[in-house]
Amino acid sequence: MLATRLTYVSRGPRPAQGFSLIEMITVLAIAAILVGIALPNFREFNRRSNVTEINNSLVTAINLARAEAVKRGRSVAVVSTSGGSDWSTGWSVIVDDNNNGSFTDASDSKLQARATVDVNNYKVTTKATGSGGADKQLTFGIAGTMGLGTKFDINVCRNGEPAKSKHIVITASGMTSSYSDVAGSPAPTC
């Protein structure tokens, strides 16, 4: 076997490792362009996420009210904090513990509450149709239903953009459905 020996010859000091000023400026320019492209998309993603979060919070409150009405054998309502059809100021899930049909008594139990939504960018409006409906509250009886012929519509609006808003429908049987776009909703739109 023939053994070979490799010899390394030093050719002076090694050049500095790193990058030049031109390379750094090029990378920063590319990064600035990417951020400029991504920022508007991130804002849109954030707005859509907020509409979805408000919508899901309402659906959760409605499902809680219906389940508690059946479980407790008492009327339970999702009540507007404003006392009207504009629910942007928030809502609460309240049990009618004394069976008087009012959900504002001190003796009634509050199960859940939601604070004000960002009213500069979002709006929550309602409309009850049929007998036994009131825009300020959504009431479930002991069978988990609302009332014969009653239908409740809720719009979660992005101000000025109805196509990017959500529409929740609660039927008399208590079935809850959520849709994109508020076109055709009887509740006030954006």
C-alpha atoms as a PDB file:
ATOM      1  CA  MET A   1       0.000   0.000   0.000  1.00  0.00           C
ATOM      2  CA  LEU A   2       1.106   3.343  -0.895  1.00  0.00           C
ATOM      3  CA  ALA A   3       0.603   5.931   1.741  1.00  0.00           C
ATOM      4  CA  THR A   4       0.045   9.466   0.666  1.00  0.00           C
ATOM      5  CA  ARG A   5       0.471  12.387   2.830  1.00  0.00           C
ATOM      6  CA  LEU A   6      -1.395  15.615   2.299  1.00  0.00           C
ATOM      7  CA  THR A   7       0.255  18.772   3.352  1.00  0.00           C
ATOM      8  CA  TYR A   8      -1.616  21.960   3.896  1.00  0.00           C
ATOM      9  CA  VAL A   9       0.210  25.110   3.068  1.00  0.00           C
ATOM     10  CA  SER A  10      -0.752  28.297   4.774  1.00  0.00           C
ATOM     11  CA  ARG A  11      -1.150  31.172   2.339  1.00  0.00           C
ATOM     12  CA  GLY A  12      -1.263  34.023   4.777  1.00  0.00           C
ATOM     13  CA  PRO A  13      -4.005  35.278   7.019  1.00  0.00           C
ATOM     14  CA  ARG A  14      -7.523  34.007   6.336  1.00  0.00           C
ATOM     15  CA  PRO A  15      -9.989  36.531   4.977  1.00  0.00           C
ATOM     16  CA  ALA A  16     -12.607  37.842   7.452  1.00  0.00           C
ATOM     17  CA  GLN A  17     -15.846  35.871   7.653  1.00  0.00           C
ATOM     18  CA  GLY A  18     -19.168  37.757   7.452  1.00  0.00           C
ATOM     19  CA  PHE A  19     -21.034  39.897   4.960  1.00  0.00           C
ATOM     20  CA  SER A  20     -20.522  43.215   3.285  1.00  0.00           C
ATOM     21  CA  LEU A  21     -22.492  46.419   3.712  1.00  0.00           C
ATOM     22  CA  ILE A  22     -24.106  45.948   0.303  1.00  0.00           C
ATOM     23  CA  GLU A  23     -25.298  42.466   1.244  1.00  0.00           C
ATOM     24  CA  MET A  24     -26.765  43.763   4.498  1.00  0.00           C
ATOM     25  CA  ILE A  25     -28.627  46.622   2.756  1.00  0.00           C
ATOM     26  CA  THR A  26     -30.008  44.167   0.171  1.00  0.00           C
ATOM     27  CA  VAL A  27     -31.320  41.843   2.895  1.00  0.00           C
ATOM     28  CA  LEU A  28     -32.913  44.764   4.791  1.00  0.00           C
ATOM     29  CA  ALA A  29     -34.592  46.017   1.599  1.00  0.00           C
ATOM     30  CA  ILE A  30     -36.052  42.583   0.887  1.00  0.00           C
ATOM     31  CA  ALA A  31     -37.252  42.279   4.489  1.00  0.00           C
ATOM     32  CA  ALA A  32     -38.931  45.719   4.286  1.00  0.00           C
ATOM     33  CA  ILE A  33     -40.748  44.706   1.081  1.00  0.00           C
ATOM     34  CA  LEU A  34     -41.984  41.457   2.654  1.00  0.00           C
ATOM     35  CA  VAL A  35     -43.240  43.284   5.753  1.00  0.00           C
ATOM     36  CA  GLY A  36     -45.013  45.822   3.524  1.00  0.00           C
ATOM     37  CA  ILE A  37     -46.792  43.001   1.737  1.00  0.00           C
ATOM     38  CA  ALA A  38     -47.630  41.003   4.883  1.00  0.00           C
ATOM     39  CA  LEU A  39     -48.929  43.819   7.120  1.00  0.00           C
ATOM     40  CA  PRO A  40     -52.223  44.490   5.262  1.00  0.00           C
ATOM     41  CA  ASN A  41     -52.900  40.752   5.118  1.00  0.00           C
ATOM     42  CA  PHE A  42     -52.257  40.457   8.843  1.00  0.00           C
ATOM     43  CA  ARG A  43     -54.714  43.294   9.558  1.00  0.00           C
ATOM     44  CA  GLU A  44     -57.386  41.575   7.466  1.00  0.00           C
ATOM     45  CA  PHE A  45     -56.707  38.272   9.234  1.00  0.00           C
ATOM     46  CA  ASN A  46     -57.022  40.035  12.608  1.00  0.00           C
ATOM     47  CA  ARG A  47     -60.368  41.642  11.670  1.00  0.00           C
ATOM     48  CA  ARG A  48     -61.794  38.340  10.439  1.00  0.00           C
ATOM     49  CA  SER A  49     -60.602  36.639  13.618  1.00  0.00           C
ATOM     50  CA  ASN A  50     -62.371  39.272  15.743  1.00  0.00           C
ATOM     51  CA  VAL A  51     -65.683  38.760  13.910  1.00  0.00           C
ATOM     52  CA  THR A  52     -65.334  34.996  14.357  1.00  0.00           C
ATOM     53  CA  GLU A  53     -64.469  35.375  18.058  1.00  0.00           C
ATOM     54  CA  ILE A  54     -67.516  37.591  18.739  1.00  0.00           C
ATOM     55  CA  ASN A  55     -69.724  35.196  16.748  1.00  0.00           C
ATOM     56  CA  ASN A  56     -68.404  32.160  18.653  1.00  0.00           C
ATOM     57  CA  SER A  57     -68.850  33.945  21.983  1.00  0.00           C
ATOM     58  CA  LEU A  58     -72.524  34.556  21.165  1.00  0.00           C
ATOM     59  CA  VAL A  59     -73.118  30.988  19.983  1.00  0.00           C
ATOM     60  CA  THR A  60     -71.494  29.705  23.195  1.00  0.00           C
ATOM     61  CA  ALA A  61     -73.719  31.950  25.331  1.00  0.00           C
ATOM     62  CA  ILE A  62     -76.835  30.829  23.427  1.00  0.00           C
ATOM     63  CA  ASN A  63     -75.956  27.142  23.773  1.00  0.00           C
ATOM     64  CA  LEU A  64     -75.209  27.612  27.478  1.00  0.00           C
ATOM     65  CA  ALA A  65     -78.580  29.325  28.036  1.00  0.00           C
ATOM     66  CA  ARG A  66     -80.467  26.577  26.234  1.00  0.00           C
ATOM     67  CA  ALA A  67     -78.657  23.757  28.073  1.00  0.00           C
ATOM     68  CA  GLU A  68     -79.110  25.421  31.473  1.00  0.00           C
ATOM     69  CA  ALA A  69     -82.834  25.985  30.853  1.00  0.00           C
ATOM     70  CA  VAL A  70     -83.299  22.259  30.285  1.00  0.00           C
ATOM     71  CA  LYS A  71     -80.977  21.245  33.129  1.00  0.00           C
ATOM     72  CA  ARG A  72     -82.440  23.628  35.748  1.00  0.00           C
ATOM     73  CA  GLY A  73     -86.073  23.484  34.664  1.00  0.00           C
ATOM     74  CA  ARG A  74     -86.209  27.301  34.632  1.00  0.00           C
ATOM     75  CA  SER A  75     -86.221  29.960  31.959  1.00  0.00           C
ATOM     76  CA  VAL A  76     -82.761  31.170  30.998  1.00  0.00           C
ATOM     77  CA  ALA A  77     -82.063  34.159  28.778  1.00  0.00           C
ATOM     78  CA  VAL A  78     -79.214  35.810  26.934  1.00  0.00           C
ATOM     79  CA  VAL A  79     -79.855  39.478  27.734  1.00  0.00           C
ATOM     80  CA  SER A  80     -78.459  42.606  26.105  1.00  0.00           C
ATOM     81  CA  THR A  81     -76.530  44.873  28.451  1.00  0.00           C
ATOM     82  CA  SER A  82     -77.963  47.907  26.637  1.00  0.00           C
ATOM     83  CA  GLY A  83     -81.558  46.745  27.091  1.00  0.00           C
ATOM     84  CA  GLY A  84     -82.268  47.037  23.363  1.00  0.00           C
ATOM     85  CA  SER A  85     -81.442  45.558  19.970  1.00  0.00           C
ATOM     86  CA  ASP A  86     -77.848  46.864  19.962  1.00  0.00           C
ATOM     87  CA  TRP A  87     -75.847  44.183  21.765  1.00  0.00           C
ATOM     88  CA  SER A  88     -72.487  45.858  21.107  1.00  0.00           C
ATOM     89  CA  THR A  89     -72.299  46.847  24.771  1.00  0.00           C
ATOM     90  CA  GLY A  90     -72.267  43.181  25.766  1.00  0.00           C
ATOM     91  CA  TRP A  91     -74.623  40.466  26.983  1.00  0.00           C
ATOM     92  CA  SER A  92     -75.222  38.153  29.934  1.00  0.00           C
ATOM     93  CA  VAL A  93     -76.671  34.676  30.444  1.00  0.00           C
ATOM     94  CA  ILE A  94     -79.180  34.911  33.313  1.00  0.00           C
ATOM     95  CA  VAL A  95     -81.372  32.302  35.054  1.00  0.00           C
ATOM     96  CA  ASP A  96     -84.886  33.358  36.133  1.00  0.00           C
ATOM     97  CA  ASP A  97     -84.513  31.815  39.594  1.00  0.00           C
ATOM     98  CA  ASN A  98     -87.763  33.246  40.980  1.00  0.00           C
ATOM     99  CA  ASN A  99     -89.859  32.370  37.874  1.00  0.00           C
ATOM    100  CA  ASN A 100     -91.270  35.874  37.469  1.00  0.00           C
ATOM    101  CA  GLY A 101     -90.283  36.283  33.800  1.00  0.00           C
ATOM    102  CA  SER A 102     -87.866  39.109  34.574  1.00  0.00           C
ATOM    103  CA  PHE A 103     -84.132  38.658  34.193  1.00  0.00           C
ATOM    104  CA  THR A 104     -83.093  41.815  36.032  1.00  0.00           C
ATOM    105  CA  ASP A 105     -83.889  40.869  39.632  1.00  0.00           C
ATOM    106  CA  ALA A 106     -81.116  40.636  42.180  1.00  0.00           C
ATOM    107  CA  SER A 107     -82.242  37.097  42.994  1.00  0.00           C
ATOM    108  CA  ASP A 108     -81.582  35.880  39.430  1.00  0.00           C
ATOM    109  CA  SER A 109     -78.282  34.073  38.762  1.00  0.00           C
ATOM    110  CA  LYS A 110     -75.843  35.432  36.193  1.00  0.00           C
ATOM    111  CA  LEU A 111     -74.004  32.509  34.600  1.00  0.00           C
ATOM    112  CA  GLN A 112     -71.858  34.339  32.089  1.00  0.00           C
ATOM    113  CA  ALA A 113     -71.198  37.886  30.899  1.00  0.00           C
ATOM    114  CA  ARG A 114     -69.510  39.404  27.871  1.00  0.00           C
ATOM    115  CA  ALA A 115     -68.153  42.948  27.921  1.00  0.00           C
ATOM    116  CA  THR A 116     -68.399  45.549  25.181  1.00  0.00           C
ATOM    117  CA  VAL A 117     -67.073  44.708  21.733  1.00  0.00           C
ATOM    118  CA  ASP A 118     -64.839  47.182  19.863  1.00  0.00           C
ATOM    119  CA  VAL A 119     -67.714  49.464  18.808  1.00  0.00           C
ATOM    120  CA  ASN A 120     -65.489  51.491  16.459  1.00  0.00           C
ATOM    121  CA  ASN A 121     -64.991  48.464  14.204  1.00  0.00           C
ATOM    122  CA  TYR A 122     -67.753  45.985  15.084  1.00  0.00           C
ATOM    123  CA  LYS A 123     -71.459  46.051  15.852  1.00  0.00           C
ATOM    124  CA  VAL A 124     -73.847  43.384  17.166  1.00  0.00           C
ATOM    125  CA  THR A 125     -77.543  43.858  16.346  1.00  0.00           C
ATOM    126  CA  THR A 126     -80.592  41.656  16.899  1.00  0.00           C
ATOM    127  CA  LYS A 127     -84.125  41.190  15.669  1.00  0.00           C
ATOM    128  CA  ALA A 128     -86.774  38.914  17.160  1.00  0.00           C
ATOM    129  CA  THR A 129     -89.622  37.932  14.856  1.00  0.00           C
ATOM    130  CA  GLY A 130     -92.820  36.092  15.642  1.00  0.00           C
ATOM    131  CA  SER A 131     -94.769  35.884  18.866  1.00  0.00           C
ATOM    132  CA  GLY A 132     -93.019  36.073  22.201  1.00  0.00           C
ATOM    133  CA  GLY A 133     -89.855  37.705  20.928  1.00  0.00           C
ATOM    134  CA  ALA A 134     -88.064  40.793  22.190  1.00  0.00           C
ATOM    135  CA  ASP A 135     -84.913  42.249  20.643  1.00  0.00           C
ATOM    136  CA  LYS A 136     -83.315  42.809  24.051  1.00  0.00           C
ATOM    137  CA  GLN A 137     -83.253  39.174  25.142  1.00  0.00           C
ATOM    138  CA  LEU A 138     -83.276  35.633  23.845  1.00  0.00           C
ATOM    139  CA  THR A 139     -85.237  33.432  26.279  1.00  0.00           C
ATOM    140  CA  PHE A 140     -85.290  29.635  26.442  1.00  0.00           C
ATOM    141  CA  GLY A 141     -88.010  27.759  28.332  1.00  0.00           C
ATOM    142  CA  ILE A 142     -87.625  24.529  30.287  1.00  0.00           C
ATOM    143  CA  ALA A 143     -87.836  22.435  27.091  1.00  0.00           C
ATOM    144  CA  GLY A 144     -84.944  24.368  25.497  1.00  0.00           C
ATOM    145  CA  THR A 145     -87.242  26.132  23.044  1.00  0.00           C
ATOM    146  CA  MET A 146     -88.019  29.816  22.618  1.00  0.00           C
ATOM    147  CA  GLY A 147     -91.676  30.027  21.871  1.00  0.00           C
ATOM    148  CA  LEU A 148     -94.008  29.030  19.123  1.00  0.00           C
ATOM    149  CA  GLY A 149     -93.278  30.990  15.957  1.00  0.00           C
ATOM    150  CA  THR A 150     -90.359  32.900  17.450  1.00  0.00           C
ATOM    151  CA  LYS A 151     -87.154  33.370  15.484  1.00  0.00           C
ATOM    152  CA  PHE A 152     -84.139  35.360  16.583  1.00  0.00           C
ATOM    153  CA  ASP A 153     -81.526  36.869  14.259  1.00  0.00           C
ATOM    154  CA  ILE A 154     -78.179  38.318  15.342  1.00  0.00           C
ATOM    155  CA  ASN A 155     -75.735  40.137  13.081  1.00  0.00           C
ATOM    156  CA  VAL A 156     -72.074  40.462  14.010  1.00  0.00           C
ATOM    157  CA  CYS A 157     -71.008  43.272  11.696  1.00  0.00           C
ATOM    158  CA  ARG A 158     -67.721  44.648  10.552  1.00  0.00           C
ATOM    159  CA  ASN A 159     -68.686  48.291  10.130  1.00  0.00           C
ATOM    160  CA  GLY A 160     -69.474  48.954   6.506  1.00  0.00           C
ATOM    161  CA  GLU A 161     -68.649  45.433   5.300  1.00  0.00           C
ATOM    162  CA  PRO A 162     -71.756  43.213   5.374  1.00  0.00           C
ATOM    163  CA  ALA A 163     -70.145  40.542   3.175  1.00  0.00           C
ATOM    164  CA  LYS A 164     -67.414  40.047   5.794  1.00  0.00           C
ATOM    165  CA  SER A 165     -69.871  39.880   8.691  1.00  0.00           C
ATOM    166  CA  LYS A 166     -71.650  36.938  10.375  1.00  0.00           C
ATOM    167  CA  HIS A 167     -75.347  36.143  10.817  1.00  0.00           C
ATOM    168  CA  ILE A 168     -76.669  33.884  13.590  1.00  0.00           C
ATOM    169  CA  VAL A 169     -80.182  32.411  13.371  1.00  0.00           C
ATOM    170  CA  ILE A 170     -81.960  30.795  16.339  1.00  0.00           C
ATOM    171  CA  THR A 171     -85.201  29.011  15.466  1.00  0.00           C
ATOM    172  CA  ALA A 172     -88.179  28.469  17.774  1.00  0.00           C
ATOM    173  CA  SER A 173     -86.935  24.958  18.517  1.00  0.00           C
ATOM    174  CA  GLY A 174     -83.676  26.440  19.808  1.00  0.00           C
ATOM    175  CA  MET A 175     -81.517  25.287  16.914  1.00  0.00           C
ATOM    176  CA  THR A 176     -78.654  27.726  16.313  1.00  0.00           C
ATOM    177  CA  SER A 177     -76.985  28.246  12.938  1.00  0.00           C
ATOM    178  CA  SER A 178     -74.252  30.664  11.909  1.00  0.00           C
ATOM    179  CA  TYR A 179     -73.684  32.015   8.383  1.00  0.00           C
ATOM    180  CA  SER A 180     -71.204  34.278   6.643  1.00  0.00           C
ATOM    181  CA  ASP A 181     -72.636  37.493   5.174  1.00  0.00           C
ATOM    182  CA  VAL A 182     -75.651  39.297   6.621  1.00  0.00           C
ATOM    183  CA  ALA A 183     -77.518  39.694   3.330  1.00  0.00           C
ATOM    184  CA  GLY A 184     -81.220  38.996   3.848  1.00  0.00           C
ATOM    185  CA  SER A 185     -81.051  39.185   7.645  1.00  0.00           C
ATOM    186  CA  PRO A 186     -83.987  40.936   9.320  1.00  0.00           C
ATOM    187  CA  ALA A 187     -81.654  42.307  12.020  1.00  0.00           C
ATOM    188  CA  PRO A 188     -80.164  45.749  11.344  1.00  0.00           C
ATOM    189  CA  THR A 189     -77.090  45.438   9.142  1.00  0.00           C
ATOM    190  CA  CYS A 190     -73.750  47.175   9.151  1.00  0.00           C
END
